Protein backbone atom coordinates (compact mmCIF):
# COMPACT_ATOMS: atom_id res chain seq x y z
CA MET A 1 0.00 0.00 0.00
CA SER A 2 1.32 3.45 -0.87
CA ALA A 3 1.64 6.26 1.65
CA GLU A 4 -0.82 8.34 -0.37
CA HIS A 5 -3.45 5.58 -0.35
CA LEU A 6 -2.98 4.98 3.37
CA VAL A 7 -3.29 8.67 4.23
CA ARG A 8 -6.41 8.99 2.07
CA ALA A 9 -7.92 5.98 3.86
CA LEU A 10 -7.13 7.47 7.28
CA CYS A 11 -8.66 10.81 6.26
CA ALA A 12 -11.79 9.06 4.98
CA ARG A 13 -12.00 7.08 8.23
CA HIS A 14 -12.27 10.36 10.13
CA GLY A 15 -14.44 12.19 7.61
CA LEU A 16 -11.66 14.57 6.58
CA PRO A 17 -10.78 15.72 3.07
CA ASP A 18 -7.68 14.12 1.55
CA GLU A 19 -5.80 17.42 1.91
CA ALA A 20 -5.93 17.14 5.71
CA GLY A 21 -3.45 14.28 5.51
CA THR A 22 -0.97 15.96 3.17
CA PRO A 23 1.32 17.19 5.99
CA PHE A 24 1.63 13.60 7.21
CA LEU A 25 2.73 12.08 3.89
CA PRO A 26 6.51 12.32 4.50
CA LEU A 27 6.08 10.76 7.92
CA VAL A 28 3.89 7.94 6.59
CA ARG A 29 6.42 7.27 3.83
CA LYS A 30 9.12 6.85 6.50
CA ALA A 31 6.79 4.69 8.58
CA LEU A 32 6.28 2.30 5.68
CA LEU A 33 10.05 1.78 5.51
CA ALA A 34 10.45 1.28 9.27
CA THR A 35 10.34 -1.86 11.37
CA ASP A 36 6.92 -3.27 12.18
CA THR A 37 6.87 -1.86 15.71
CA THR A 38 7.95 1.62 14.67
CA ARG A 39 5.57 1.62 11.70
CA GLU A 40 2.62 0.73 13.93
CA ARG A 41 3.52 3.42 16.47
CA ILE A 42 3.90 6.13 13.84
CA LEU A 43 0.70 5.19 12.03
CA ARG A 44 -1.17 5.17 15.34
CA LEU A 45 0.10 8.69 16.06
CA VAL A 46 -0.94 9.90 12.60
CA ASP A 47 -4.35 8.29 13.03
CA GLU A 48 -4.78 9.97 16.43
CA ALA A 49 -3.71 13.34 15.01
CA LEU A 50 -6.26 13.05 12.21
CA ALA A 51 -8.92 12.02 14.72
CA ASP A 52 -8.09 15.13 16.78
CA ARG A 53 -8.36 17.31 13.66
CA ALA A 54 -11.72 15.78 12.79
CA ASP A 55 -12.92 16.45 16.32
CA ALA A 56 -11.69 20.05 16.13
CA VAL A 57 -13.48 20.55 12.81
CA ALA A 58 -16.69 19.06 14.20
CA ASN A 59 -16.55 21.30 17.28
CA GLY A 60 -15.29 24.43 15.55
CA THR A 61 -12.18 24.52 17.72
CA ARG A 62 -8.47 24.35 17.06
CA ASP A 63 -5.89 23.13 19.55
CA ALA A 64 -2.85 25.31 18.83
CA ALA A 65 -0.55 22.94 20.73
CA GLY A 66 -1.94 19.84 19.01
CA ASP A 67 0.53 19.83 16.13
CA ASP A 68 3.45 20.35 18.51
CA ARG A 69 2.33 17.39 20.62
CA VAL A 70 2.17 15.19 17.53
CA LEU A 71 5.63 16.25 16.41
CA MET A 72 7.13 15.59 19.83
CA ALA A 73 5.43 12.19 20.02
CA VAL A 74 6.74 11.26 16.58
CA ALA A 75 10.22 12.45 17.50
CA ARG A 76 10.15 10.10 20.48
CA VAL A 77 9.21 7.21 18.21
CA LEU A 78 11.94 7.95 15.69
CA HIS A 79 14.65 8.95 18.16
CA PRO A 80 15.39 7.65 21.65
CA TRP A 81 15.79 11.22 22.91
CA THR A 82 13.38 12.98 25.23
CA PRO A 83 13.68 16.77 25.23
CA SER A 84 14.52 18.41 28.54
CA GLU A 85 12.21 20.91 30.17
CA GLY A 86 14.55 23.71 29.04
CA ILE A 87 14.18 22.70 25.41
CA LEU A 88 10.42 22.31 25.75
CA ASP A 89 10.20 25.79 27.30
CA LEU A 90 12.49 27.38 24.69
CA GLY A 91 9.59 28.63 22.57
CA SER A 92 8.07 30.65 25.40
CA THR A 93 11.49 32.07 26.30
CA LEU A 94 12.14 33.11 22.70
CA ASP A 95 8.70 34.70 22.45
CA ARG A 96 9.33 36.68 25.63
CA HIS A 97 12.73 37.97 24.45
CA HIS A 98 11.39 38.76 20.98
CA GLY A 99 8.65 40.89 22.55
CA GLU A 100 11.20 42.88 24.56
CA GLY A 101 13.21 43.82 21.48
CA ALA A 102 10.22 44.84 19.39
């Protein structure tokens, strides 16, 4: 099965247009080349992310941190590294310093 077909099937499963899965295509392509365990974990994360998007569309809401959570979860699957609190908080620190210089 191709990554494109799989992403379309996942989008259809959640009632989303095919375009909703486009950002996940590179990840699904990598998943299809991975070991069985890694492939299953990545595809589960993509499926959960699409389910969250479908829920947000249905409720008229958008979770701004949702995409970041998916990326961090995928990073943990692909790499045995867990970011430290300092790294996780870097975005808020950068935002704060950027605001001071503006």
